[in-house]
Amino acid sequence: MKTDKDLLIKGVKHFAYTFLLMFTAPIILWQAFKNQEHTFYIPVLIVGLLLAIAAIAMGFYSVHLIMNALFNTPKKKK
């Protein structure tokens, strides 16, 4: 069993993006809830929620990439 190094590097890069989103989304949500009287409350809240959903999805995707790299899961042919 050999590790696919290119796929592993791609997975680690995606983990870096996930890590960035994991800190950005709560900060934006906190800013939205802190300024509920502001006119941009709804757009900032929507952006924060979308970033939080993206962080969760990106986390699952990066774990999937790393597992495929480590265990050499063959690619599905269509």
PDB file of N, CA and C in Angstrom:
ATOM      1  N   MET A   1       0.830  -1.178   0.000  1.00  0.00           N
ATOM      2  CA  MET A   1       0.000   0.000   0.000  1.00  0.00           C
ATOM      3  C   MET A   1       0.880   1.250   0.000  1.00  0.00           C
ATOM      4  N   LYS A   2       0.678   2.098  -0.987  1.00  0.00           N
ATOM      5  CA  LYS A   2       1.425   3.338  -1.055  1.00  0.00           C
ATOM      6  C   LYS A   2       0.459   4.511  -0.928  1.00  0.00           C
ATOM      7  N   THR A   3       0.967   5.577  -0.345  1.00  0.00           N
ATOM      8  CA  THR A   3       0.174   6.790  -0.190  1.00  0.00           C
ATOM      9  C   THR A   3       0.279   7.635  -1.453  1.00  0.00           C
ATOM     10  N   ASP A   4      -0.860   8.118  -1.915  1.00  0.00           N
ATOM     11  CA  ASP A   4      -0.886   9.027  -3.056  1.00  0.00           C
ATOM     12  C   ASP A   4      -0.534  10.428  -2.548  1.00  0.00           C
ATOM     13  N   LYS A   5       0.724  10.822  -2.754  1.00  0.00           N
ATOM     14  CA  LYS A   5       1.224  12.065  -2.176  1.00  0.00           C
ATOM     15  C   LYS A   5       0.535  13.305  -2.744  1.00  0.00           C
ATOM     16  N   ASP A   6       0.214  13.288  -4.032  1.00  0.00           N
ATOM     17  CA  ASP A   6      -0.467  14.444  -4.626  1.00  0.00           C
ATOM     18  C   ASP A   6      -1.852  14.644  -4.014  1.00  0.00           C
ATOM     19  N   LEU A   7      -2.565  13.551  -3.834  1.00  0.00           N
ATOM     20  CA  LEU A   7      -3.885  13.628  -3.236  1.00  0.00           C
ATOM     21  C   LEU A   7      -3.803  14.021  -1.762  1.00  0.00           C
ATOM     22  N   LEU A   8      -2.773  13.560  -1.078  1.00  0.00           N
ATOM     23  CA  LEU A   8      -2.577  13.920   0.324  1.00  0.00           C
ATOM     24  C   LEU A   8      -2.296  15.411   0.465  1.00  0.00           C
ATOM     25  N   ILE A   9      -1.479  15.960  -0.415  1.00  0.00           N
ATOM     26  CA  ILE A   9      -1.182  17.392  -0.378  1.00  0.00           C
ATOM     27  C   ILE A   9      -2.448  18.196  -0.666  1.00  0.00           C
ATOM     28  N   LYS A  10      -3.247  17.720  -1.609  1.00  0.00           N
ATOM     29  CA  LYS A  10      -4.512  18.389  -1.924  1.00  0.00           C
ATOM     30  C   LYS A  10      -5.435  18.371  -0.704  1.00  0.00           C
ATOM     31  N   GLY A  11      -5.476  17.260   0.013  1.00  0.00           N
ATOM     32  CA  GLY A  11      -6.302  17.156   1.215  1.00  0.00           C
ATOM     33  C   GLY A  11      -5.831  18.077   2.323  1.00  0.00           C
ATOM     34  N   VAL A  12      -4.522  18.197   2.484  1.00  0.00           N
ATOM     35  CA  VAL A  12      -3.984  19.088   3.516  1.00  0.00           C
ATOM     36  C   VAL A  12      -4.275  20.546   3.165  1.00  0.00           C
ATOM     37  N   LYS A  13      -4.198  20.893   1.881  1.00  0.00           N
ATOM     38  CA  LYS A  13      -4.542  22.260   1.460  1.00  0.00           C
ATOM     39  C   LYS A  13      -6.011  22.555   1.752  1.00  0.00           C
ATOM     40  N   HIS A  14      -6.874  21.575   1.495  1.00  0.00           N
ATOM     41  CA  HIS A  14      -8.287  21.770   1.784  1.00  0.00           C
ATOM     42  C   HIS A  14      -8.526  21.891   3.286  1.00  0.00           C
ATOM     43  N   PHE A  15      -7.723  21.184   4.092  1.00  0.00           N
ATOM     44  CA  PHE A  15      -7.826  21.338   5.539  1.00  0.00           C
ATOM     45  C   PHE A  15      -7.431  22.748   5.967  1.00  0.00           C
ATOM     46  N   ALA A  16      -6.464  23.347   5.292  1.00  0.00           N
ATOM     47  CA  ALA A  16      -6.078  24.724   5.612  1.00  0.00           C
ATOM     48  C   ALA A  16      -7.237  25.680   5.327  1.00  0.00           C
ATOM     49  N   TYR A  17      -7.925  25.468   4.205  1.00  0.00           N
ATOM     50  CA  TYR A  17      -9.097  26.297   3.900  1.00  0.00           C
ATOM     51  C   TYR A  17     -10.206  26.057   4.929  1.00  0.00           C
ATOM     52  N   THR A  18     -10.371  24.823   5.344  1.00  0.00           N
ATOM     53  CA  THR A  18     -11.368  24.498   6.360  1.00  0.00           C
ATOM     54  C   THR A  18     -11.054  25.203   7.661  1.00  0.00           C
ATOM     55  N   PHE A  19      -9.788  25.189   8.046  1.00  0.00           N
ATOM     56  CA  PHE A  19      -9.353  25.837   9.281  1.00  0.00           C
ATOM     57  C   PHE A  19      -9.646  27.332   9.219  1.00  0.00           C
ATOM     58  N   LEU A  20      -9.397  27.947   8.075  1.00  0.00           N
ATOM     59  CA  LEU A  20      -9.682  29.369   7.897  1.00  0.00           C
ATOM     60  C   LEU A  20     -11.182  29.642   8.014  1.00  0.00           C
ATOM     61  N   LEU A  21     -11.989  28.810   7.380  1.00  0.00           N
ATOM     62  CA  LEU A  21     -13.442  28.974   7.452  1.00  0.00           C
ATOM     63  C   LEU A  21     -13.981  28.721   8.857  1.00  0.00           C
ATOM     64  N   MET A  22     -13.358  27.794   9.587  1.00  0.00           N
ATOM     65  CA  MET A  22     -13.815  27.477  10.939  1.00  0.00           C
ATOM     66  C   MET A  22     -13.664  28.656  11.889  1.00  0.00           C
ATOM     67  N   PHE A  23     -12.748  29.566  11.604  1.00  0.00           N
ATOM     68  CA  PHE A  23     -12.594  30.743  12.451  1.00  0.00           C
ATOM     69  C   PHE A  23     -13.291  31.963  11.881  1.00  0.00           C
ATOM     70  N   THR A  24     -13.402  32.043  10.571  1.00  0.00           N
ATOM     71  CA  THR A  24     -14.031  33.199   9.944  1.00  0.00           C
ATOM     72  C   THR A  24     -15.542  33.196  10.150  1.00  0.00           C
ATOM     73  N   ALA A  25     -16.184  32.059   9.979  1.00  0.00           N
ATOM     74  CA  ALA A  25     -17.644  31.980  10.071  1.00  0.00           C
ATOM     75  C   ALA A  25     -18.171  32.399  11.449  1.00  0.00           C
ATOM     76  N   PRO A  26     -17.636  31.883  12.555  1.00  0.00           N
ATOM     77  CA  PRO A  26     -18.159  32.324  13.860  1.00  0.00           C
ATOM     78  C   PRO A  26     -17.911  33.807  14.145  1.00  0.00           C
ATOM     79  N   ILE A  27     -16.805  34.344  13.653  1.00  0.00           N
ATOM     80  CA  ILE A  27     -16.538  35.765  13.867  1.00  0.00           C
ATOM     81  C   ILE A  27     -17.568  36.611  13.133  1.00  0.00           C
ATOM     82  N   ILE A  28     -17.878  36.237  11.903  1.00  0.00           N
ATOM     83  CA  ILE A  28     -18.876  36.990  11.134  1.00  0.00           C
ATOM     84  C   ILE A  28     -20.258  36.827  11.762  1.00  0.00           C
ATOM     85  N   LEU A  29     -20.595  35.642  12.216  1.00  0.00           N
ATOM     86  CA  LEU A  29     -21.884  35.447  12.886  1.00  0.00           C
ATOM     87  C   LEU A  29     -21.962  36.268  14.174  1.00  0.00           C
ATOM     88  N   TRP A  30     -20.886  36.316  14.919  1.00  0.00           N
ATOM     89  CA  TRP A  30     -20.852  37.096  16.154  1.00  0.00           C
ATOM     90  C   TRP A  30     -21.049  38.583  15.857  1.00  0.00           C
ATOM     91  N   GLN A  31     -20.411  39.064  14.788  1.00  0.00           N
ATOM     92  CA  GLN A  31     -20.582  40.459  14.400  1.00  0.00           C
ATOM     93  C   GLN A  31     -22.027  40.740  13.991  1.00  0.00           C
ATOM     94  N   ALA A  32     -22.650  39.806  13.305  1.00  0.00           N
ATOM     95  CA  ALA A  32     -24.035  39.991  12.887  1.00  0.00           C
ATOM     96  C   ALA A  32     -24.961  40.069  14.096  1.00  0.00           C
ATOM     97  N   PHE A  33     -24.795  39.150  15.052  1.00  0.00           N
ATOM     98  CA  PHE A  33     -25.669  39.149  16.216  1.00  0.00           C
ATOM     99  C   PHE A  33     -25.396  40.325  17.145  1.00  0.00           C
ATOM    100  N   LYS A  34     -24.177  40.823  17.111  1.00  0.00           N
ATOM    101  CA  LYS A  34     -23.825  41.966  17.951  1.00  0.00           C
ATOM    102  C   LYS A  34     -24.462  43.253  17.423  1.00  0.00           C
ATOM    103  N   ASN A  35     -24.667  43.350  16.117  1.00  0.00           N
ATOM    104  CA  ASN A  35     -25.198  44.566  15.497  1.00  0.00           C
ATOM    105  C   ASN A  35     -26.562  44.303  14.869  1.00  0.00           C
ATOM    106  N   GLN A  36     -27.514  43.849  15.641  1.00  0.00           N
ATOM    107  CA  GLN A  36     -28.827  43.496  15.108  1.00  0.00           C
ATOM    108  C   GLN A  36     -29.634  44.707  14.649  1.00  0.00           C
ATOM    109  N   GLU A  37     -29.315  45.891  15.148  1.00  0.00           N
ATOM    110  CA  GLU A  37     -30.050  47.084  14.738  1.00  0.00           C
ATOM    111  C   GLU A  37     -29.543  47.647  13.421  1.00  0.00           C
ATOM    112  N   HIS A  38     -28.401  47.196  12.958  1.00  0.00           N
ATOM    113  CA  HIS A  38     -27.792  47.733  11.744  1.00  0.00           C
ATOM    114  C   HIS A  38     -28.562  47.274  10.514  1.00  0.00           C
ATOM    115  N   THR A  39     -28.493  48.078   9.449  1.00  0.00           N
ATOM    116  CA  THR A  39     -29.241  47.739   8.229  1.00  0.00           C
ATOM    117  C   THR A  39     -28.675  46.524   7.507  1.00  0.00           C
ATOM    118  N   PHE A  40     -27.408  46.223   7.701  1.00  0.00           N
ATOM    119  CA  PHE A  40     -26.788  45.070   7.041  1.00  0.00           C
ATOM    120  C   PHE A  40     -26.809  43.815   7.903  1.00  0.00           C
ATOM    121  N   TYR A  41     -27.696  43.757   8.886  1.00  0.00           N
ATOM    122  CA  TYR A  41     -27.767  42.602   9.771  1.00  0.00           C
ATOM    123  C   TYR A  41     -28.080  41.324   8.993  1.00  0.00           C
ATOM    124  N   ILE A  42     -29.111  41.336   8.168  1.00  0.00           N
ATOM    125  CA  ILE A  42     -29.539  40.141   7.427  1.00  0.00           C
ATOM    126  C   ILE A  42     -28.471  39.689   6.428  1.00  0.00           C
ATOM    127  N   PRO A  43     -27.885  40.585   5.605  1.00  0.00           N
ATOM    128  CA  PRO A  43     -26.853  40.106   4.672  1.00  0.00           C
ATOM    129  C   PRO A  43     -25.618  39.536   5.375  1.00  0.00           C
ATOM    130  N   VAL A  44     -25.212  40.156   6.473  1.00  0.00           N
ATOM    131  CA  VAL A  44     -24.042  39.644   7.195  1.00  0.00           C
ATOM    132  C   VAL A  44     -24.369  38.304   7.847  1.00  0.00           C
ATOM    133  N   LEU A  45     -25.580  38.171   8.355  1.00  0.00           N
ATOM    134  CA  LEU A  45     -26.000  36.901   8.942  1.00  0.00           C
ATOM    135  C   LEU A  45     -26.029  35.794   7.891  1.00  0.00           C
ATOM    136  N   ILE A  46     -26.522  36.100   6.707  1.00  0.00           N
ATOM    137  CA  ILE A  46     -26.574  35.108   5.627  1.00  0.00           C
ATOM    138  C   ILE A  46     -25.168  34.692   5.205  1.00  0.00           C
ATOM    139  N   VAL A  47     -24.259  35.665   5.087  1.00  0.00           N
ATOM    140  CA  VAL A  47     -22.869  35.347   4.732  1.00  0.00           C
ATOM    141  C   VAL A  47     -22.240  34.462   5.804  1.00  0.00           C
ATOM    142  N   GLY A  48     -22.472  34.773   7.062  1.00  0.00           N
ATOM    143  CA  GLY A  48     -21.929  33.962   8.148  1.00  0.00           C
ATOM    144  C   GLY A  48     -22.456  32.547   8.137  1.00  0.00           C
ATOM    145  N   LEU A  49     -23.753  32.395   7.889  1.00  0.00           N
ATOM    146  CA  LEU A  49     -24.340  31.052   7.828  1.00  0.00           C
ATOM    147  C   LEU A  49     -23.808  30.261   6.640  1.00  0.00           C
ATOM    148  N   LEU A  50     -23.659  30.929   5.498  1.00  0.00           N
ATOM    149  CA  LEU A  50     -23.102  30.237   4.327  1.00  0.00           C
ATOM    150  C   LEU A  50     -21.657  29.801   4.575  1.00  0.00           C
ATOM    151  N   LEU A  51     -20.877  30.646   5.241  1.00  0.00           N
ATOM    152  CA  LEU A  51     -19.495  30.265   5.556  1.00  0.00           C
ATOM    153  C   LEU A  51     -19.445  29.112   6.549  1.00  0.00           C
ATOM    154  N   ALA A  52     -20.369  29.084   7.503  1.00  0.00           N
ATOM    155  CA  ALA A  52     -20.414  27.976   8.464  1.00  0.00           C
ATOM    156  C   ALA A  52     -20.761  26.661   7.761  1.00  0.00           C
ATOM    157  N   ILE A  53     -21.723  26.708   6.855  1.00  0.00           N
ATOM    158  CA  ILE A  53     -22.084  25.510   6.090  1.00  0.00           C
ATOM    159  C   ILE A  53     -20.914  25.077   5.209  1.00  0.00           C
ATOM    160  N   ALA A  54     -20.233  26.050   4.614  1.00  0.00           N
ATOM    161  CA  ALA A  54     -19.070  25.729   3.776  1.00  0.00           C
ATOM    162  C   ALA A  54     -17.950  25.105   4.606  1.00  0.00           C
ATOM    163  N   ALA A  55     -17.766  25.562   5.838  1.00  0.00           N
ATOM    164  CA  ALA A  55     -16.729  24.989   6.699  1.00  0.00           C
ATOM    165  C   ALA A  55     -17.016  23.523   7.004  1.00  0.00           C
ATOM    166  N   ILE A  56     -18.276  23.208   7.267  1.00  0.00           N
ATOM    167  CA  ILE A  56     -18.644  21.819   7.561  1.00  0.00           C
ATOM    168  C   ILE A  56     -18.449  20.943   6.322  1.00  0.00           C
ATOM    169  N   ALA A  57     -18.924  21.431   5.182  1.00  0.00           N
ATOM    170  CA  ALA A  57     -18.796  20.656   3.946  1.00  0.00           C
ATOM    171  C   ALA A  57     -17.332  20.472   3.559  1.00  0.00           C
ATOM    172  N   MET A  58     -16.536  21.530   3.693  1.00  0.00           N
ATOM    173  CA  MET A  58     -15.125  21.454   3.340  1.00  0.00           C
ATOM    174  C   MET A  58     -14.386  20.502   4.289  1.00  0.00           C
ATOM    175  N   GLY A  59     -14.812  20.458   5.539  1.00  0.00           N
ATOM    176  CA  GLY A  59     -14.204  19.521   6.485  1.00  0.00           C
ATOM    177  C   GLY A  59     -14.428  18.077   6.081  1.00  0.00           C
ATOM    178  N   PHE A  60     -15.664  17.751   5.706  1.00  0.00           N
ATOM    179  CA  PHE A  60     -15.952  16.390   5.261  1.00  0.00           C
ATOM    180  C   PHE A  60     -15.189  16.051   3.984  1.00  0.00           C
ATOM    181  N   TYR A  61     -15.123  17.012   3.072  1.00  0.00           N
ATOM    182  CA  TYR A  61     -14.442  16.771   1.803  1.00  0.00           C
ATOM    183  C   TYR A  61     -12.941  16.567   2.017  1.00  0.00           C
ATOM    184  N   SER A  62     -12.327  17.358   2.889  1.00  0.00           N
ATOM    185  CA  SER A  62     -10.887  17.214   3.100  1.00  0.00           C
ATOM    186  C   SER A  62     -10.561  15.902   3.817  1.00  0.00           C
ATOM    187  N   VAL A  63     -11.422  15.477   4.742  1.00  0.00           N
ATOM    188  CA  VAL A  63     -11.210  14.171   5.377  1.00  0.00           C
ATOM    189  C   VAL A  63     -11.346  13.061   4.337  1.00  0.00           C
ATOM    190  N   HIS A  64     -12.313  13.201   3.442  1.00  0.00           N
ATOM    191  CA  HIS A  64     -12.506  12.222   2.374  1.00  0.00           C
ATOM    192  C   HIS A  64     -11.254  12.134   1.483  1.00  0.00           C
ATOM    193  N   LEU A  65     -10.695  13.276   1.117  1.00  0.00           N
ATOM    194  CA  LEU A  65      -9.491  13.281   0.281  1.00  0.00           C
ATOM    195  C   LEU A  65      -8.317  12.608   0.982  1.00  0.00           C
ATOM    196  N   ILE A  66      -8.126  12.910   2.249  1.00  0.00           N
ATOM    197  CA  ILE A  66      -6.995  12.334   2.979  1.00  0.00           C
ATOM    198  C   ILE A  66      -7.168  10.831   3.154  1.00  0.00           C
ATOM    199  N   MET A  67      -8.388  10.394   3.429  1.00  0.00           N
ATOM    200  CA  MET A  67      -8.620   8.952   3.556  1.00  0.00           C
ATOM    201  C   MET A  67      -8.361   8.232   2.239  1.00  0.00           C
ATOM    202  N   ASN A  68      -8.782   8.837   1.124  1.00  0.00           N
ATOM    203  CA  ASN A  68      -8.509   8.235  -0.184  1.00  0.00           C
ATOM    204  C   ASN A  68      -7.016   8.201  -0.468  1.00  0.00           C
ATOM    205  N   ALA A  69      -6.297   9.219  -0.047  1.00  0.00           N
ATOM    206  CA  ALA A  69      -4.855   9.244  -0.273  1.00  0.00           C
ATOM    207  C   ALA A  69      -4.141   8.191   0.568  1.00  0.00           C
ATOM    208  N   LEU A  70      -4.566   8.022   1.800  1.00  0.00           N
ATOM    209  CA  LEU A  70      -3.882   7.076   2.692  1.00  0.00           C
ATOM    210  C   LEU A  70      -4.200   5.623   2.369  1.00  0.00           C
ATOM    211  N   PHE A  71      -5.430   5.340   2.022  1.00  0.00           N
ATOM    212  CA  PHE A  71      -5.838   3.960   1.825  1.00  0.00           C
ATOM    213  C   PHE A  71      -5.973   3.567   0.367  1.00  0.00           C
ATOM    214  N   ASN A  72      -5.542   4.436  -0.536  1.00  0.00           N
ATOM    215  CA  ASN A  72      -5.517   4.146  -1.972  1.00  0.00           C
ATOM    216  C   ASN A  72      -6.842   3.612  -2.500  1.00  0.00           C
ATOM    217  N   THR A  73      -7.903   4.325  -2.222  1.00  0.00           N
ATOM    218  CA  THR A  73      -9.202   3.948  -2.743  1.00  0.00           C
ATOM    219  C   THR A  73      -9.201   4.178  -4.248  1.00  0.00           C
ATOM    220  N   PRO A  74      -9.512   3.167  -5.023  1.00  0.00           N
ATOM    221  CA  PRO A  74      -9.506   3.363  -6.473  1.00  0.00           C
ATOM    222  C   PRO A  74     -10.621   4.323  -6.894  1.00  0.00           C
ATOM    223  N   LYS A  75     -10.331   5.083  -7.963  1.00  0.00           N
ATOM    224  CA  LYS A  75     -11.305   6.039  -8.452  1.00  0.00           C
ATOM    225  C   LYS A  75     -12.402   5.292  -9.194  1.00  0.00           C
ATOM    226  N   LYS A  76     -13.636   5.752  -9.021  1.00  0.00           N
ATOM    227  CA  LYS A  76     -14.764   5.112  -9.672  1.00  0.00           C
ATOM    228  C   LYS A  76     -14.796   5.531 -11.136  1.00  0.00           C
ATOM    229  N   LYS A  77     -15.019   4.557 -11.995  1.00  0.00           N
ATOM    230  CA  LYS A  77     -15.136   4.855 -13.421  1.00  0.00           C
ATOM    231  C   LYS A  77     -16.611   4.986 -13.766  1.00  0.00           C
ATOM    232  N   LYS A  78     -16.944   5.980 -14.535  1.00  0.00           N
ATOM    233  CA  LYS A  78     -18.346   6.200 -14.909  1.00  0.00           C
ATOM    234  C   LYS A  78     -18.649   5.582 -16.243  1.00  0.00           C
TER     235      LYS A  78
END
